[in-house]
Amino acid sequence: MTRRTTVTAARACMAWLLLAACSTTGQPSSTNDANAGIDSLNARLVQAYRARDPRLYGTVFTDSAVFEWPAFNTVRGRAGLEAMARANWATLADMDLRLEVSTRRIGVDHATEFGAFQQSYRGVDRARMVEFGRYAAVLARQPDGRWLMDRFFGFSDSTRPEPVPAP
């Protein structure tokens, strides 16, 4: 093998390695960014529950969002979701929400998320209750890169009193 052939082969190998490195780092970074954005969206949702803030709750949804829950009529749009939260949260105090994402699939401009939730609160009788359930959500990436919830379907498995810690 001549020196010229060796240099050409080395350059071709370097170019191939550079292209391979660029192509493999682009996708995980995009996925990592999407996961971080969706985790941020979920954190805002939890914050809305804890603050009992219907307006903040509405900001996690697209303008055309659809919310489906067997115990409610289907709710459409950000204004409808804010009104639903305002009405439902009026008698609940000390709310908290925990999400446990079981799977997330990310596309270019959308994602799906499936998981479980625990919503705890104090009702009118001041008893602390915990509702357990499952959810599926379709998320949409906005032109500015933020993620918003576009479709939500959830259902409750059970609601029971929160155990009192032993003294």
Foldseek 3Di string as FASTA:
>chain_A
DDPVVVVVVVVVVVVVVVVVVVVVVVVVVVVVLVVVLVVVLVVQCQVCQQVLPLLSNLVQADQFAWEAEPVDDIAGGSVRSSVVSCVVCVFWARKGKDWDWPDKADDDFKIKTKTKMWIWTQGNVRFIKIWIWIKMWMWGQDPVRHIHTRYIYMYTPDMDTDDDDDD
